[in-house]
Amino acid sequence: MNIEIKNNCLNIDWSYVSETLKKVGMAYYDAKIHKKAFENSHTVVFVFDNGILIGFGRAISDGVYQAAIYDVAVLPEYQGKGIGKIIVNNILKHLPNCNFILYASPGKEVFYEKLNFKKMKTGMALFQNAEIMQKKDFIE
């Protein structure tokens, strides 16, 4: 592997971002929506292997003490090779004094636990389509 990390949104194929999220079973939207979400984020991480986008993630934050991690995705053929860890650690490095929250896709909690994330006892959510999120096991 020839890994390159980018921390900006220049020259990103947003349709490919959307396709990747779909491929890994995460929420995905039109390419324009992902472009706006990433561009409005505090920190973005894109990982390439020989020029091919293989993973990405982002954080929204006040830049001082609170942050939330979203859209961490790695192509299936690259999962289990440390790419997700590179993405999350890169985000953490860019926001060194922050507390972080995130919600993991069901079944992916162990990945985040290995990176020292803990389950919250008081986490709450208000989703636009709660019924779908309940069927996907994100909420009770």
C-alpha atoms as a PDB file:
ATOM      1  CA  MET A   1       0.000   0.000   0.000  1.00  0.00           C
ATOM      2  CA  ASN A   2       1.078   3.545  -0.761  1.00  0.00           C
ATOM      3  CA  ILE A   3      -1.011   5.566   1.729  1.00  0.00           C
ATOM      4  CA  GLU A   4      -1.590   9.309   1.405  1.00  0.00           C
ATOM      5  CA  ILE A   5      -3.670  11.370   3.850  1.00  0.00           C
ATOM      6  CA  LYS A   6      -5.443  14.603   2.882  1.00  0.00           C
ATOM      7  CA  ASN A   7      -7.044  17.017   5.340  1.00  0.00           C
ATOM      8  CA  ASN A   8      -8.927  19.157   2.837  1.00  0.00           C
ATOM      9  CA  CYS A   9     -11.814  18.792   0.396  1.00  0.00           C
ATOM     10  CA  LEU A  10      -9.942  19.724  -2.782  1.00  0.00           C
ATOM     11  CA  ASN A  11     -10.428  17.406  -5.772  1.00  0.00           C
ATOM     12  CA  ILE A  12     -12.685  14.910  -3.997  1.00  0.00           C
ATOM     13  CA  ASP A  13     -15.119  12.870  -6.097  1.00  0.00           C
ATOM     14  CA  TRP A  14     -18.258  13.352  -4.006  1.00  0.00           C
ATOM     15  CA  SER A  15     -20.210  10.767  -5.987  1.00  0.00           C
ATOM     16  CA  TYR A  16     -17.556   8.242  -4.962  1.00  0.00           C
ATOM     17  CA  VAL A  17     -17.974   9.298  -1.313  1.00  0.00           C
ATOM     18  CA  SER A  18     -21.702   8.653  -1.584  1.00  0.00           C
ATOM     19  CA  GLU A  19     -21.107   5.299  -3.301  1.00  0.00           C
ATOM     20  CA  THR A  20     -18.608   4.262  -0.628  1.00  0.00           C
ATOM     21  CA  LEU A  21     -21.029   5.035   2.199  1.00  0.00           C
ATOM     22  CA  LYS A  22     -23.703   3.020   0.409  1.00  0.00           C
ATOM     23  CA  LYS A  23     -21.273   0.137  -0.160  1.00  0.00           C
ATOM     24  CA  VAL A  24     -20.415  -0.094   3.556  1.00  0.00           C
ATOM     25  CA  GLY A  25     -24.056   0.085   4.633  1.00  0.00           C
ATOM     26  CA  MET A  26     -24.018   3.597   6.077  1.00  0.00           C
ATOM     27  CA  ALA A  27     -26.399   6.496   5.484  1.00  0.00           C
ATOM     28  CA  TYR A  28     -25.680   8.199   2.185  1.00  0.00           C
ATOM     29  CA  TYR A  29     -27.090  11.137   0.278  1.00  0.00           C
ATOM     30  CA  ASP A  30     -26.644  12.913  -3.016  1.00  0.00           C
ATOM     31  CA  ALA A  31     -23.035  13.891  -3.721  1.00  0.00           C
ATOM     32  CA  LYS A  32     -23.840  17.610  -3.225  1.00  0.00           C
ATOM     33  CA  ILE A  33     -25.047  16.916   0.328  1.00  0.00           C
ATOM     34  CA  HIS A  34     -21.831  15.100   1.276  1.00  0.00           C
ATOM     35  CA  LYS A  35     -19.734  17.877  -0.266  1.00  0.00           C
ATOM     36  CA  LYS A  36     -21.529  20.479   1.844  1.00  0.00           C
ATOM     37  CA  ALA A  37     -21.309  18.344   5.013  1.00  0.00           C
ATOM     38  CA  PHE A  38     -17.559  17.766   4.658  1.00  0.00           C
ATOM     39  CA  GLU A  39     -16.845  21.376   3.663  1.00  0.00           C
ATOM     40  CA  ASN A  40     -18.767  22.603   6.736  1.00  0.00           C
ATOM     41  CA  SER A  41     -16.868  20.276   9.073  1.00  0.00           C
ATOM     42  CA  HIS A  42     -14.036  21.356  11.349  1.00  0.00           C
ATOM     43  CA  THR A  43     -11.750  18.454  10.408  1.00  0.00           C
ATOM     44  CA  VAL A  44     -11.790  16.148   7.392  1.00  0.00           C
ATOM     45  CA  VAL A  45      -9.636  13.141   6.603  1.00  0.00           C
ATOM     46  CA  PHE A  46      -9.368  11.373   3.266  1.00  0.00           C
ATOM     47  CA  VAL A  47      -7.087   8.345   2.860  1.00  0.00           C
ATOM     48  CA  PHE A  48      -5.824   7.275  -0.550  1.00  0.00           C
ATOM     49  CA  ASP A  49      -3.922   4.199  -1.709  1.00  0.00           C
ATOM     50  CA  ASN A  50      -2.031   4.905  -4.920  1.00  0.00           C
ATOM     51  CA  GLY A  51      -4.408   7.794  -5.668  1.00  0.00           C
ATOM     52  CA  ILE A  52      -7.606   5.814  -4.991  1.00  0.00           C
ATOM     53  CA  LEU A  53      -9.862   7.025  -2.181  1.00  0.00           C
ATOM     54  CA  ILE A  54     -10.146   4.116   0.267  1.00  0.00           C
ATOM     55  CA  GLY A  55     -11.517   5.786   3.390  1.00  0.00           C
ATOM     56  CA  PHE A  56     -12.594   9.030   4.991  1.00  0.00           C
ATOM     57  CA  GLY A  57     -14.133  10.657   8.033  1.00  0.00           C
ATOM     58  CA  ARG A  58     -14.942  14.036   9.485  1.00  0.00           C
ATOM     59  CA  ALA A  59     -15.584  15.893  12.730  1.00  0.00           C
ATOM     60  CA  ILE A  60     -17.748  18.844  13.580  1.00  0.00           C
ATOM     61  CA  SER A  61     -16.458  20.869  16.502  1.00  0.00           C
ATOM     62  CA  ASP A  62     -16.189  24.156  18.324  1.00  0.00           C
ATOM     63  CA  GLY A  63     -12.428  23.545  18.116  1.00  0.00           C
ATOM     64  CA  VAL A  64     -12.056  24.075  21.862  1.00  0.00           C
ATOM     65  CA  TYR A  65     -13.637  21.315  23.937  1.00  0.00           C
ATOM     66  CA  GLN A  66     -16.392  19.439  22.062  1.00  0.00           C
ATOM     67  CA  ALA A  67     -16.412  17.444  18.833  1.00  0.00           C
ATOM     68  CA  ALA A  68     -18.478  14.802  17.091  1.00  0.00           C
ATOM     69  CA  ILE A  69     -17.126  12.277  14.603  1.00  0.00           C
ATOM     70  CA  TYR A  70     -19.163  11.328  11.546  1.00  0.00           C
ATOM     71  CA  ASP A  71     -18.950   9.390   8.297  1.00  0.00           C
ATOM     72  CA  VAL A  72     -15.945   7.203   9.116  1.00  0.00           C
ATOM     73  CA  ALA A  73     -15.960   4.722   6.248  1.00  0.00           C
ATOM     74  CA  VAL A  74     -13.385   2.375   4.737  1.00  0.00           C
ATOM     75  CA  LEU A  75     -13.831   0.345   1.566  1.00  0.00           C
ATOM     76  CA  PRO A  76     -14.589  -3.281   2.476  1.00  0.00           C
ATOM     77  CA  GLU A  77     -11.425  -4.605   0.850  1.00  0.00           C
ATOM     78  CA  TYR A  78      -9.325  -2.283   3.067  1.00  0.00           C
ATOM     79  CA  GLN A  79     -11.129  -2.955   6.346  1.00  0.00           C
ATOM     80  CA  GLY A  80      -9.048  -4.653   9.029  1.00  0.00           C
ATOM     81  CA  LYS A  81      -5.822  -3.046   7.749  1.00  0.00           C
ATOM     82  CA  GLY A  82      -5.658  -0.081  10.132  1.00  0.00           C
ATOM     83  CA  ILE A  83      -7.190   2.506   7.784  1.00  0.00           C
ATOM     84  CA  GLY A  84     -10.105   3.312  10.116  1.00  0.00           C
ATOM     85  CA  LYS A  85      -7.637   3.763  12.965  1.00  0.00           C
ATOM     86  CA  ILE A  86      -5.591   6.172  10.817  1.00  0.00           C
ATOM     87  CA  ILE A  87      -8.731   8.204  10.087  1.00  0.00           C
ATOM     88  CA  VAL A  88      -9.912   8.418  13.701  1.00  0.00           C
ATOM     89  CA  ASN A  89      -6.441   9.130  15.104  1.00  0.00           C
ATOM     90  CA  ASN A  90      -5.935  11.873  12.518  1.00  0.00           C
ATOM     91  CA  ILE A  91      -9.203  13.504  13.633  1.00  0.00           C
ATOM     92  CA  LEU A  92      -8.218  13.204  17.312  1.00  0.00           C
ATOM     93  CA  LYS A  93      -4.811  14.766  16.570  1.00  0.00           C
ATOM     94  CA  HIS A  94      -6.445  17.825  14.964  1.00  0.00           C
ATOM     95  CA  LEU A  95      -8.669  18.438  18.015  1.00  0.00           C
ATOM     96  CA  PRO A  96      -6.321  17.603  20.922  1.00  0.00           C
ATOM     97  CA  ASN A  97      -8.292  19.111  23.825  1.00  0.00           C
ATOM     98  CA  CYS A  98     -11.755  17.964  22.816  1.00  0.00           C
ATOM     99  CA  ASN A  99     -14.217  15.460  24.177  1.00  0.00           C
ATOM    100  CA  PHE A 100     -15.627  13.336  21.358  1.00  0.00           C
ATOM    101  CA  ILE A 101     -18.983  11.752  20.729  1.00  0.00           C
ATOM    102  CA  LEU A 102     -20.068   9.530  17.870  1.00  0.00           C
ATOM    103  CA  TYR A 103     -22.580   6.893  17.065  1.00  0.00           C
ATOM    104  CA  ALA A 104     -21.232   3.715  15.558  1.00  0.00           C
ATOM    105  CA  SER A 105     -23.030   1.569  13.061  1.00  0.00           C
ATOM    106  CA  PRO A 106     -24.493  -1.413  14.911  1.00  0.00           C
ATOM    107  CA  GLY A 107     -21.797  -4.073  15.164  1.00  0.00           C
ATOM    108  CA  LYS A 108     -18.919  -1.593  14.836  1.00  0.00           C
ATOM    109  CA  GLU A 109     -18.791  -0.604  18.523  1.00  0.00           C
ATOM    110  CA  VAL A 110     -15.804  -2.893  19.180  1.00  0.00           C
ATOM    111  CA  PHE A 111     -13.708  -0.939  16.639  1.00  0.00           C
ATOM    112  CA  TYR A 112     -14.224   2.278  18.600  1.00  0.00           C
ATOM    113  CA  GLU A 113     -13.745   0.559  21.974  1.00  0.00           C
ATOM    114  CA  LYS A 114     -10.258  -0.492  20.776  1.00  0.00           C
ATOM    115  CA  LEU A 115      -9.560   3.226  20.272  1.00  0.00           C
ATOM    116  CA  ASN A 116     -10.591   3.955  23.900  1.00  0.00           C
ATOM    117  CA  PHE A 117     -14.116   5.185  23.193  1.00  0.00           C
ATOM    118  CA  LYS A 118     -16.629   4.279  25.906  1.00  0.00           C
ATOM    119  CA  LYS A 119     -20.364   3.618  25.680  1.00  0.00           C
ATOM    120  CA  MET A 120     -22.435   6.518  27.003  1.00  0.00           C
ATOM    121  CA  LYS A 121     -25.151   5.988  29.598  1.00  0.00           C
ATOM    122  CA  THR A 122     -27.041   9.160  28.774  1.00  0.00           C
ATOM    123  CA  GLY A 123     -26.750   9.436  25.004  1.00  0.00           C
ATOM    124  CA  MET A 124     -29.893  10.753  23.346  1.00  0.00           C
ATOM    125  CA  ALA A 125     -30.841  11.322  19.725  1.00  0.00           C
ATOM    126  CA  LEU A 126     -33.567  13.006  17.723  1.00  0.00           C
ATOM    127  CA  PHE A 127     -33.648  11.581  14.196  1.00  0.00           C
ATOM    128  CA  GLN A 128     -35.660  12.872  11.250  1.00  0.00           C
ATOM    129  CA  ASN A 129     -36.863   9.329  10.610  1.00  0.00           C
ATOM    130  CA  ALA A 130     -36.840   7.605  13.999  1.00  0.00           C
ATOM    131  CA  GLU A 131     -38.703   4.547  12.706  1.00  0.00           C
ATOM    132  CA  ILE A 132     -35.921   3.672  10.265  1.00  0.00           C
ATOM    133  CA  MET A 133     -33.227   4.292  12.881  1.00  0.00           C
ATOM    134  CA  GLN A 134     -35.068   2.018  15.296  1.00  0.00           C
ATOM    135  CA  LYS A 135     -35.273  -0.760  12.677  1.00  0.00           C
ATOM    136  CA  LYS A 136     -31.510  -0.374  12.122  1.00  0.00           C
ATOM    137  CA  ASP A 137     -30.921  -0.757  15.914  1.00  0.00           C
ATOM    138  CA  PHE A 138     -29.567   2.741  16.474  1.00  0.00           C
ATOM    139  CA  ILE A 139     -32.252   3.629  19.013  1.00  0.00           C
ATOM    140  CA  GLU A 140     -34.535   1.820  21.461  1.00  0.00           C
END
